[in-house]
Structures are given as structure tokens and as C-alpha cells.
Amino acid sequence: MNAPFSMGNAQRAAAVHGFVLRRPTRAVLDRLDLLAEVGGEATVYELAAHEGHDRPTTYHQRMHELMALGLVVRSGEGRQGEPYRYKLTPVGDMLRFVSL
């Protein structure tokens, strides 16, 4: 019998609703973990600073990929004084615990 939150159970539940759920890649899981490490919500500047990088522009693309998967949402105006903030969705937070 599968555990209540196993990937198999999640895939079956998604199929009942007409969706296909596939295992996240290691890169996706790493990005989710990074966002969780900074409290589950951050700007790209905070993400870059946390990893010790000085080029935050690449983080926008990475977060947009997670947004397309429904794992992250964005808030803010995207301008100085009110930058975009990326936040884990409940699904994104739960998928962090999936083993590959």
C-alpha cells in the first residue's frame, strides 16, 4: 500500500481531474529548496545574495519556469521600491519532499 502523500497517489488523483503529474527534475527541486531556504518568499536579489551570486537576472527565468508549473506565484510591481516577490505555492512546497 502507498503512503497517503506518495507520488503514485498524487498522480492518480491528478489523472482523475484530467491532469498529468510528472516527477520534478533535480533542477526544479533545487530551485524549490532555494526558495524554501530563504523563507518561502523572496526577490531575485535575495535569492542571488543567498547563493553568493551577483547576477540576479538569471533568477527571473528560473522563477518563471516554476510559475509555469504552478509551483511559484509572483507578487509586486516589478519596479524599484516594489520588486517582484516569488512565493512557493502549497503544491511547490509539498513537491520539495518528493524523492527522485
PDB file of N, CA and C in Angstrom:
ATOM      1  N   MET A   1       0.831  -1.182   0.000  1.00  0.00           N
ATOM      2  CA  MET A   1       0.000   0.000   0.000  1.00  0.00           C
ATOM      3  C   MET A   1       0.878   1.250   0.000  1.00  0.00           C
ATOM      4  N   ASN A   2       0.461   2.265  -0.727  1.00  0.00           N
ATOM      5  CA  ASN A   2       1.217   3.506  -0.807  1.00  0.00           C
ATOM      6  C   ASN A   2       0.912   4.415   0.375  1.00  0.00           C
ATOM      7  N   ALA A   3       1.899   5.234   0.728  1.00  0.00           N
ATOM      8  CA  ALA A   3       1.701   6.243   1.766  1.00  0.00           C
ATOM      9  C   ALA A   3       0.698   7.281   1.262  1.00  0.00           C
ATOM     10  N   PRO A   4      -0.005   7.983   2.150  1.00  0.00           N
ATOM     11  CA  PRO A   4      -1.028   8.939   1.715  1.00  0.00           C
ATOM     12  C   PRO A   4      -0.506  10.023   0.778  1.00  0.00           C
ATOM     13  N   PHE A   5       0.745  10.439   0.915  1.00  0.00           N
ATOM     14  CA  PHE A   5       1.286  11.508   0.092  1.00  0.00           C
ATOM     15  C   PHE A   5       2.341  11.009  -0.888  1.00  0.00           C
ATOM     16  N   SER A   6       2.210   9.782  -1.342  1.00  0.00           N
ATOM     17  CA  SER A   6       3.179   9.245  -2.293  1.00  0.00           C
ATOM     18  C   SER A   6       2.961   9.854  -3.672  1.00  0.00           C
ATOM     19  N   MET A   7       3.972   9.794  -4.487  1.00  0.00           N
ATOM     20  CA  MET A   7       3.880  10.328  -5.851  1.00  0.00           C
ATOM     21  C   MET A   7       2.831   9.550  -6.643  1.00  0.00           C
ATOM     22  N   GLY A   8       2.741   8.250  -6.442  1.00  0.00           N
ATOM     23  CA  GLY A   8       1.752   7.446  -7.143  1.00  0.00           C
ATOM     24  C   GLY A   8       0.326   7.889  -6.831  1.00  0.00           C
ATOM     25  N   ASN A   9       0.058   8.150  -5.554  1.00  0.00           N
ATOM     26  CA  ASN A   9      -1.269   8.624  -5.170  1.00  0.00           C
ATOM     27  C   ASN A   9      -1.555  10.000  -5.763  1.00  0.00           C
ATOM     28  N   ALA A  10      -0.562  10.859  -5.766  1.00  0.00           N
ATOM     29  CA  ALA A  10      -0.743  12.199  -6.342  1.00  0.00           C
ATOM     30  C   ALA A  10      -1.002  12.110  -7.842  1.00  0.00           C
ATOM     31  N   GLN A  11      -0.297  11.208  -8.537  1.00  0.00           N
ATOM     32  CA  GLN A  11      -0.504  11.047  -9.981  1.00  0.00           C
ATOM     33  C   GLN A  11      -1.907  10.519 -10.279  1.00  0.00           C
ATOM     34  N   ARG A  12      -2.383   9.579  -9.482  1.00  0.00           N
ATOM     35  CA  ARG A  12      -3.738   9.059  -9.678  1.00  0.00           C
ATOM     36  C   ARG A  12      -4.789  10.136  -9.415  1.00  0.00           C
ATOM     37  N   ALA A  13      -4.591  10.917  -8.370  1.00  0.00           N
ATOM     38  CA  ALA A  13      -5.538  11.994  -8.056  1.00  0.00           C
ATOM     39  C   ALA A  13      -5.560  13.032  -9.174  1.00  0.00           C
ATOM     40  N   ALA A  14      -4.397  13.362  -9.716  1.00  0.00           N
ATOM     41  CA  ALA A  14      -4.334  14.320 -10.828  1.00  0.00           C
ATOM     42  C   ALA A  14      -5.046  13.759 -12.053  1.00  0.00           C
ATOM     43  N   ALA A  15      -4.868  12.473 -12.325  1.00  0.00           N
ATOM     44  CA  ALA A  15      -5.495  11.849 -13.503  1.00  0.00           C
ATOM     45  C   ALA A  15      -7.015  11.873 -13.406  1.00  0.00           C
ATOM     46  N   VAL A  16      -7.547  11.705 -12.214  1.00  0.00           N
ATOM     47  CA  VAL A  16      -8.999  11.750 -12.021  1.00  0.00           C
ATOM     48  C   VAL A  16      -9.550  13.102 -12.468  1.00  0.00           C
ATOM     49  N   HIS A  17      -8.755  14.156 -12.298  1.00  0.00           N
ATOM     50  CA  HIS A  17      -9.172  15.509 -12.648  1.00  0.00           C
ATOM     51  C   HIS A  17      -8.700  15.940 -14.035  1.00  0.00           C
ATOM     52  N   GLY A  18      -8.137  14.999 -14.785  1.00  0.00           N
ATOM     53  CA  GLY A  18      -7.731  15.292 -16.154  1.00  0.00           C
ATOM     54  C   GLY A  18      -6.360  15.909 -16.291  1.00  0.00           C
ATOM     55  N   PHE A  19      -5.527  15.765 -15.291  1.00  0.00           N
ATOM     56  CA  PHE A  19      -4.177  16.329 -15.333  1.00  0.00           C
ATOM     57  C   PHE A  19      -3.143  15.214 -15.320  1.00  0.00           C
ATOM     58  N   VAL A  20      -1.959  15.547 -15.774  1.00  0.00           N
ATOM     59  CA  VAL A  20      -0.834  14.620 -15.726  1.00  0.00           C
ATOM     60  C   VAL A  20       0.211  15.215 -14.796  1.00  0.00           C
ATOM     61  N   LEU A  21       0.600  14.452 -13.816  1.00  0.00           N
ATOM     62  CA  LEU A  21       1.617  14.894 -12.869  1.00  0.00           C
ATOM     63  C   LEU A  21       2.867  14.069 -13.110  1.00  0.00           C
ATOM     64  N   ARG A  22       3.965  14.736 -13.360  1.00  0.00           N
ATOM     65  CA  ARG A  22       5.227  14.011 -13.556  1.00  0.00           C
ATOM     66  C   ARG A  22       6.208  14.415 -12.471  1.00  0.00           C
ATOM     67  N   ARG A  23       7.167  13.557 -12.269  1.00  0.00           N
ATOM     68  CA  ARG A  23       8.171  13.838 -11.239  1.00  0.00           C
ATOM     69  C   ARG A  23       8.962  15.085 -11.614  1.00  0.00           C
ATOM     70  N   PRO A  24       9.218  15.951 -10.655  1.00  0.00           N
ATOM     71  CA  PRO A  24      10.024  17.134 -10.940  1.00  0.00           C
ATOM     72  C   PRO A  24      11.483  16.743 -11.164  1.00  0.00           C
ATOM     73  N   THR A  25      12.176  17.528 -11.959  1.00  0.00           N
ATOM     74  CA  THR A  25      13.598  17.282 -12.186  1.00  0.00           C
ATOM     75  C   THR A  25      14.398  17.735 -10.963  1.00  0.00           C
ATOM     76  N   ARG A  26      15.626  17.335 -10.902  1.00  0.00           N
ATOM     77  CA  ARG A  26      16.514  17.741  -9.806  1.00  0.00           C
ATOM     78  C   ARG A  26      16.653  19.268  -9.800  1.00  0.00           C
ATOM     79  N   ALA A  27      16.726  19.901 -10.984  1.00  0.00           N
ATOM     80  CA  ALA A  27      16.863  21.360 -11.057  1.00  0.00           C
ATOM     81  C   ALA A  27      15.642  22.052 -10.455  1.00  0.00           C
ATOM     82  N   VAL A  28      14.458  21.539 -10.740  1.00  0.00           N
ATOM     83  CA  VAL A  28      13.233  22.115 -10.179  1.00  0.00           C
ATOM     84  C   VAL A  28      13.237  21.973  -8.659  1.00  0.00           C
ATOM     85  N   LEU A  29      13.592  20.798  -8.169  1.00  0.00           N
ATOM     86  CA  LEU A  29      13.628  20.578  -6.723  1.00  0.00           C
ATOM     87  C   LEU A  29      14.654  21.482  -6.051  1.00  0.00           C
ATOM     88  N   ASP A  30      15.798  21.678  -6.698  1.00  0.00           N
ATOM     89  CA  ASP A  30      16.828  22.570  -6.142  1.00  0.00           C
ATOM     90  C   ASP A  30      16.313  24.003  -6.042  1.00  0.00           C
ATOM     91  N   ARG A  31      15.577  24.451  -7.047  1.00  0.00           N
ATOM     92  CA  ARG A  31      15.031  25.820  -7.032  1.00  0.00           C
ATOM     93  C   ARG A  31      13.968  25.967  -5.950  1.00  0.00           C
ATOM     94  N   LEU A  32      13.152  24.934  -5.779  1.00  0.00           N
ATOM     95  CA  LEU A  32      12.151  24.971  -4.714  1.00  0.00           C
ATOM     96  C   LEU A  32      12.822  25.013  -3.349  1.00  0.00           C
ATOM     97  N   ASP A  33      13.877  24.222  -3.187  1.00  0.00           N
ATOM     98  CA  ASP A  33      14.616  24.211  -1.920  1.00  0.00           C
ATOM     99  C   ASP A  33      15.258  25.566  -1.649  1.00  0.00           C
ATOM    100  N   LEU A  34      15.803  26.196  -2.687  1.00  0.00           N
ATOM    101  CA  LEU A  34      16.417  27.516  -2.526  1.00  0.00           C
ATOM    102  C   LEU A  34      15.388  28.513  -2.008  1.00  0.00           C
ATOM    103  N   LEU A  35      14.216  28.517  -2.614  1.00  0.00           N
ATOM    104  CA  LEU A  35      13.168  29.441  -2.191  1.00  0.00           C
ATOM    105  C   LEU A  35      12.719  29.122  -0.760  1.00  0.00           C
ATOM    106  N   ALA A  36      12.652  27.851  -0.413  1.00  0.00           N
ATOM    107  CA  ALA A  36      12.275  27.469   0.946  1.00  0.00           C
ATOM    108  C   ALA A  36      13.338  27.908   1.958  1.00  0.00           C
ATOM    109  N   GLU A  37      14.605  27.846   1.570  1.00  0.00           N
ATOM    110  CA  GLU A  37      15.693  28.232   2.460  1.00  0.00           C
ATOM    111  C   GLU A  37      15.622  29.698   2.869  1.00  0.00           C
ATOM    112  N   VAL A  38      15.095  30.529   2.004  1.00  0.00           N
ATOM    113  CA  VAL A  38      15.001  31.962   2.315  1.00  0.00           C
ATOM    114  C   VAL A  38      13.629  32.324   2.889  1.00  0.00           C
ATOM    115  N   GLY A  39      12.892  31.332   3.346  1.00  0.00           N
ATOM    116  CA  GLY A  39      11.623  31.588   3.997  1.00  0.00           C
ATOM    117  C   GLY A  39      10.400  31.353   3.142  1.00  0.00           C
ATOM    118  N   GLY A  40      10.570  30.832   1.926  1.00  0.00           N
ATOM    119  CA  GLY A  40       9.435  30.534   1.063  1.00  0.00           C
ATOM    120  C   GLY A  40       8.997  31.682   0.184  1.00  0.00           C
ATOM    121  N   GLU A  41       9.587  32.863   0.380  1.00  0.00           N
ATOM    122  CA  GLU A  41       9.234  34.036  -0.417  1.00  0.00           C
ATOM    123  C   GLU A  41      10.442  34.961  -0.475  1.00  0.00           C
ATOM    124  N   ALA A  42      10.773  35.435  -1.696  1.00  0.00           N
ATOM    125  CA  ALA A  42      11.956  36.293  -1.832  1.00  0.00           C
ATOM    126  C   ALA A  42      11.957  37.016  -3.165  1.00  0.00           C
ATOM    127  N   THR A  43      12.780  38.051  -3.247  1.00  0.00           N
ATOM    128  CA  THR A  43      13.046  38.714  -4.519  1.00  0.00           C
ATOM    129  C   THR A  43      14.231  38.008  -5.166  1.00  0.00           C
ATOM    130  N   VAL A  44      14.475  38.289  -6.430  1.00  0.00           N
ATOM    131  CA  VAL A  44      15.625  37.674  -7.095  1.00  0.00           C
ATOM    132  C   VAL A  44      16.930  38.147  -6.474  1.00  0.00           C
ATOM    133  N   TYR A  45      16.949  39.368  -5.962  1.00  0.00           N
ATOM    134  CA  TYR A  45      18.153  39.882  -5.306  1.00  0.00           C
ATOM    135  C   TYR A  45      18.445  39.120  -4.024  1.00  0.00           C
ATOM    136  N   GLU A  46      17.399  38.776  -3.290  1.00  0.00           N
ATOM    137  CA  GLU A  46      17.582  37.989  -2.073  1.00  0.00           C
ATOM    138  C   GLU A  46      18.046  36.572  -2.401  1.00  0.00           C
ATOM    139  N   LEU A  47      17.513  35.994  -3.475  1.00  0.00           N
ATOM    140  CA  LEU A  47      17.940  34.657  -3.891  1.00  0.00           C
ATOM    141  C   LEU A  47      19.409  34.666  -4.314  1.00  0.00           C
ATOM    142  N   ALA A  48      19.793  35.663  -5.102  1.00  0.00           N
ATOM    143  CA  ALA A  48      21.183  35.760  -5.561  1.00  0.00           C
ATOM    144  C   ALA A  48      22.132  35.973  -4.386  1.00  0.00           C
ATOM    145  N   ALA A  49      21.747  36.838  -3.461  1.00  0.00           N
ATOM    146  CA  ALA A  49      22.592  37.087  -2.290  1.00  0.00           C
ATOM    147  C   ALA A  49      22.731  35.836  -1.436  1.00  0.00           C
ATOM    148  N   HIS A  50      21.658  35.082  -1.309  1.00  0.00           N
ATOM    149  CA  HIS A  50      21.696  33.850  -0.513  1.00  0.00           C
ATOM    150  C   HIS A  50      22.675  32.840  -1.101  1.00  0.00           C
ATOM    151  N   GLU A  51      22.759  32.775  -2.422  1.00  0.00           N
ATOM    152  CA  GLU A  51      23.674  31.840  -3.071  1.00  0.00           C
ATOM    153  C   GLU A  51      25.052  32.445  -3.321  1.00  0.00           C
ATOM    154  N   GLY A  52      25.214  33.729  -3.018  1.00  0.00           N
ATOM    155  CA  GLY A  52      26.507  34.376  -3.206  1.00  0.00           C
ATOM    156  C   GLY A  52      26.794  34.781  -4.637  1.00  0.00           C
ATOM    157  N   HIS A  53      25.748  34.996  -5.432  1.00  0.00           N
ATOM    158  CA  HIS A  53      25.918  35.406  -6.823  1.00  0.00           C
ATOM    159  C   HIS A  53      25.627  36.894  -6.951  1.00  0.00           C
ATOM    160  N   ASP A  54      26.225  37.511  -7.960  1.00  0.00           N
ATOM    161  CA  ASP A  54      25.983  38.933  -8.177  1.00  0.00           C
ATOM    162  C   ASP A  54      25.151  39.200  -9.430  1.00  0.00           C
ATOM    163  N   ARG A  55      24.597  38.167 -10.059  1.00  0.00           N
ATOM    164  CA  ARG A  55      23.793  38.305 -11.278  1.00  0.00           C
ATOM    165  C   ARG A  55      22.364  37.807 -11.017  1.00  0.00           C
ATOM    166  N   PRO A  56      21.500  38.647 -10.487  1.00  0.00           N
ATOM    167  CA  PRO A  56      20.153  38.179 -10.156  1.00  0.00           C
ATOM    168  C   PRO A  56      19.232  37.975 -11.357  1.00  0.00           C
ATOM    169  N   THR A  57      19.616  38.442 -12.543  1.00  0.00           N
ATOM    170  CA  THR A  57      18.710  38.357 -13.695  1.00  0.00           C
ATOM    171  C   THR A  57      18.379  36.921 -14.079  1.00  0.00           C
ATOM    172  N   THR A  58      19.280  35.992 -13.893  1.00  0.00           N
ATOM    173  CA  THR A  58      19.002  34.601 -14.249  1.00  0.00           C
ATOM    174  C   THR A  58      17.933  33.987 -13.360  1.00  0.00           C
ATOM    175  N   TYR A  59      17.753  34.544 -12.169  1.00  0.00           N
ATOM    176  CA  TYR A  59      16.759  34.004 -11.251  1.00  0.00           C
ATOM    177  C   TYR A  59      15.339  34.286 -11.725  1.00  0.00           C
ATOM    178  N   HIS A  60      15.127  35.376 -12.462  1.00  0.00           N
ATOM    179  CA  HIS A  60      13.798  35.644 -13.014  1.00  0.00           C
ATOM    180  C   HIS A  60      13.372  34.501 -13.934  1.00  0.00           C
ATOM    181  N   GLN A  61      14.266  34.081 -14.816  1.00  0.00           N
ATOM    182  CA  GLN A  61      13.939  32.996 -15.745  1.00  0.00           C
ATOM    183  C   GLN A  61      13.635  31.712 -14.981  1.00  0.00           C
ATOM    184  N   ARG A  62      14.439  31.418 -13.990  1.00  0.00           N
ATOM    185  CA  ARG A  62      14.229  30.195 -13.206  1.00  0.00           C
ATOM    186  C   ARG A  62      12.882  30.229 -12.484  1.00  0.00           C
ATOM    187  N   MET A  63      12.532  31.380 -11.934  1.00  0.00           N
ATOM    188  CA  MET A  63      11.259  31.503 -11.229  1.00  0.00           C
ATOM    189  C   MET A  63      10.080  31.458 -12.201  1.00  0.00           C
ATOM    190  N   HIS A  64      10.260  31.985 -13.408  1.00  0.00           N
ATOM    191  CA  HIS A  64       9.195  31.928 -14.418  1.00  0.00           C
ATOM    192  C   HIS A  64       8.915  30.480 -14.821  1.00  0.00           C
ATOM    193  N   GLU A  65       9.953  29.667 -14.885  1.00  0.00           N
ATOM    194  CA  GLU A  65       9.753  28.246 -15.187  1.00  0.00           C
ATOM    195  C   GLU A  65       8.928  27.576 -14.092  1.00  0.00           C
ATOM    196  N   LEU A  66       9.199  27.932 -12.845  1.00  0.00           N
ATOM    197  CA  LEU A  66       8.427  27.368 -11.738  1.00  0.00           C
ATOM    198  C   LEU A  66       6.996  27.901 -11.734  1.00  0.00           C
ATOM    199  N   MET A  67       6.816  29.149 -12.142  1.00  0.00           N
ATOM    200  CA  MET A  67       5.473  29.716 -12.246  1.00  0.00           C
ATOM    201  C   MET A  67       4.660  28.968 -13.298  1.00  0.00           C
ATOM    202  N   ALA A  68       5.292  28.620 -14.417  1.00  0.00           N
ATOM    203  CA  ALA A  68       4.599  27.891 -15.483  1.00  0.00           C
ATOM    204  C   ALA A  68       4.143  26.510 -15.011  1.00  0.00           C
ATOM    205  N   LEU A  69       4.836  25.954 -14.047  1.00  0.00           N
ATOM    206  CA  LEU A  69       4.472  24.646 -13.491  1.00  0.00           C
ATOM    207  C   LEU A  69       3.472  24.770 -12.339  1.00  0.00           C
ATOM    208  N   GLY A  70       3.167  25.996 -11.930  1.00  0.00           N
ATOM    209  CA  GLY A  70       2.233  26.215 -10.828  1.00  0.00           C
ATOM    210  C   GLY A  70       2.847  26.003  -9.463  1.00  0.00           C
ATOM    211  N   LEU A  71       4.175  26.066  -9.380  1.00  0.00           N
ATOM    212  CA  LEU A  71       4.864  25.815  -8.118  1.00  0.00           C
ATOM    213  C   LEU A  71       5.228  27.091  -7.381  1.00  0.00           C
ATOM    214  N   VAL A  72       5.180  28.213  -8.092  1.00  0.00           N
ATOM    215  CA  VAL A  72       5.555  29.511  -7.534  1.00  0.00           C
ATOM    216  C   VAL A  72       4.580  30.555  -8.070  1.00  0.00           C
ATOM    217  N   VAL A  73       4.251  31.546  -7.245  1.00  0.00           N
ATOM    218  CA  VAL A  73       3.456  32.687  -7.692  1.00  0.00           C
ATOM    219  C   VAL A  73       4.289  33.952  -7.496  1.00  0.00           C
ATOM    220  N   ARG A  74       3.909  34.989  -8.233  1.00  0.00           N
ATOM    221  CA  ARG A  74       4.659  36.246  -8.181  1.00  0.00           C
ATOM    222  C   ARG A  74       3.736  37.365  -7.711  1.00  0.00           C
ATOM    223  N   SER A  75       4.273  38.243  -6.898  1.00  0.00           N
ATOM    224  CA  SER A  75       3.541  39.429  -6.484  1.00  0.00           C
ATOM    225  C   SER A  75       4.479  40.629  -6.627  1.00  0.00           C
ATOM    226  N   GLY A  76       3.929  41.810  -6.539  1.00  0.00           N
ATOM    227  CA  GLY A  76       4.722  43.021  -6.661  1.00  0.00           C
ATOM    228  C   GLY A  76       4.601  43.634  -8.039  1.00  0.00           C
ATOM    229  N   GLU A  77       5.109  44.836  -8.162  1.00  0.00           N
ATOM    230  CA  GLU A  77       5.004  45.605  -9.409  1.00  0.00           C
ATOM    231  C   GLU A  77       6.208  45.434 -10.331  1.00  0.00           C
ATOM    232  N   GLY A  78       7.296  44.911  -9.825  1.00  0.00           N
ATOM    233  CA  GLY A  78       8.476  44.713 -10.659  1.00  0.00           C
ATOM    234  C   GLY A  78       9.218  45.994 -10.967  1.00  0.00           C
ATOM    235  N   ARG A  79       9.160  46.927 -10.046  1.00  0.00           N
ATOM    236  CA  ARG A  79       9.881  48.192 -10.247  1.00  0.00           C
ATOM    237  C   ARG A  79      10.620  48.521  -8.963  1.00  0.00           C
ATOM    238  N   GLN A  80      11.487  49.498  -9.053  1.00  0.00           N
ATOM    239  CA  GLN A  80      12.278  49.877  -7.888  1.00  0.00           C
ATOM    240  C   GLN A  80      11.346  50.316  -6.760  1.00  0.00           C
ATOM    241  N   GLY A  81      11.597  49.841  -5.598  1.00  0.00           N
ATOM    242  CA  GLY A  81      10.733  50.126  -4.464  1.00  0.00           C
ATOM    243  C   GLY A  81       9.685  49.049  -4.237  1.00  0.00           C
ATOM    244  N   GLU A  82       9.282  48.376  -5.302  1.00  0.00           N
ATOM    245  CA  GLU A  82       8.341  47.255  -5.181  1.00  0.00           C
ATOM    246  C   GLU A  82       8.699  46.171  -6.182  1.00  0.00           C
ATOM    247  N   PRO A  83       9.815  45.465  -5.908  1.00  0.00           N
ATOM    248  CA  PRO A  83      10.252  44.420  -6.838  1.00  0.00           C
ATOM    249  C   PRO A  83       9.328  43.211  -6.779  1.00  0.00           C
ATOM    250  N   TYR A  84       9.435  42.366  -7.803  1.00  0.00           N
ATOM    251  CA  TYR A  84       8.687  41.123  -7.793  1.00  0.00           C
ATOM    252  C   TYR A  84       9.141  40.271  -6.622  1.00  0.00           C
ATOM    253  N   ARG A  85       8.182  39.629  -5.974  1.00  0.00           N
ATOM    254  CA  ARG A  85       8.472  38.656  -4.930  1.00  0.00           C
ATOM    255  C   ARG A  85       7.916  37.323  -5.404  1.00  0.00           C
ATOM    256  N   TYR A  86       8.724  36.306  -5.319  1.00  0.00           N
ATOM    257  CA  TYR A  86       8.320  34.962  -5.721  1.00  0.00           C
ATOM    258  C   TYR A  86       8.043  34.151  -4.457  1.00  0.00           C
ATOM    259  N   LYS A  87       6.921  33.445  -4.467  1.00  0.00           N
ATOM    260  CA  LYS A  87       6.492  32.708  -3.287  1.00  0.00           C
ATOM    261  C   LYS A  87       6.095  31.287  -3.678  1.00  0.00           C
ATOM    262  N   LEU A  88       6.482  30.327  -2.847  1.00  0.00           N
ATOM    263  CA  LEU A  88       6.088  28.936  -3.067  1.00  0.00           C
ATOM    264  C   LEU A  88       4.579  28.797  -2.945  1.00  0.00           C
ATOM    265  N   THR A  89       3.983  28.028  -3.848  1.00  0.00           N
ATOM    266  CA  THR A  89       2.576  27.666  -3.693  1.00  0.00           C
ATOM    267  C   THR A  89       2.529  26.442  -2.777  1.00  0.00           C
ATOM    268  N   PRO A  90       1.363  26.091  -2.259  1.00  0.00           N
ATOM    269  CA  PRO A  90       1.282  24.874  -1.444  1.00  0.00           C
ATOM    270  C   PRO A  90       1.785  23.629  -2.188  1.00  0.00           C
ATOM    271  N   VAL A  91       1.487  23.546  -3.480  1.00  0.00           N
ATOM    272  CA  VAL A  91       1.962  22.408  -4.270  1.00  0.00           C
ATOM    273  C   VAL A  91       3.485  22.434  -4.380  1.00  0.00           C
ATOM    274  N   GLY A  92       4.048  23.602  -4.634  1.00  0.00           N
ATOM    275  CA  GLY A  92       5.504  23.725  -4.710  1.00  0.00           C
ATOM    276  C   GLY A  92       6.178  23.330  -3.407  1.00  0.00           C
ATOM    277  N   ASP A  93       5.561  23.719  -2.305  1.00  0.00           N
ATOM    278  CA  ASP A  93       6.113  23.364  -1.004  1.00  0.00           C
ATOM    279  C   ASP A  93       6.037  21.863  -0.780  1.00  0.00           C
ATOM    280  N   MET A  94       4.935  21.228  -1.159  1.00  0.00           N
ATOM    281  CA  MET A  94       4.791  19.785  -0.966  1.00  0.00           C
ATOM    282  C   MET A  94       5.745  18.997  -1.865  1.00  0.00           C
ATOM    283  N   LEU A  95       5.972  19.468  -3.083  1.00  0.00           N
ATOM    284  CA  LEU A  95       6.836  18.717  -4.001  1.00  0.00           C
ATOM    285  C   LEU A  95       8.299  18.716  -3.566  1.00  0.00           C
ATOM    286  N   ARG A  96       8.665  19.586  -2.659  1.00  0.00           N
ATOM    287  CA  ARG A  96      10.053  19.591  -2.163  1.00  0.00           C
ATOM    288  C   ARG A  96      10.401  18.279  -1.484  1.00  0.00           C
ATOM    289  N   PHE A  97       9.392  17.557  -1.021  1.00  0.00           N
ATOM    290  CA  PHE A  97       9.639  16.338  -0.261  1.00  0.00           C
ATOM    291  C   PHE A  97       9.536  15.074  -1.110  1.00  0.00           C
ATOM    292  N   VAL A  98       9.406  15.236  -2.419  1.00  0.00           N
ATOM    293  CA  VAL A  98       9.333  14.086  -3.324  1.00  0.00           C
ATOM    294  C   VAL A  98      10.748  13.585  -3.575  1.00  0.00           C
ATOM    295  N   SER A  99      10.934  12.295  -3.459  1.00  0.00           N
ATOM    296  CA  SER A  99      12.254  11.724  -3.761  1.00  0.00           C
ATOM    297  C   SER A  99      12.288  11.305  -5.218  1.00  0.00           C
ATOM    298  N   LEU A 100      13.456  11.484  -5.837  1.00  0.00           N
ATOM    299  CA  LEU A 100      13.601  11.132  -7.258  1.00  0.00           C
ATOM    300  C   LEU A 100      13.896   9.683  -7.440  1.00  0.00           C
TER     301      LEU A 100
END
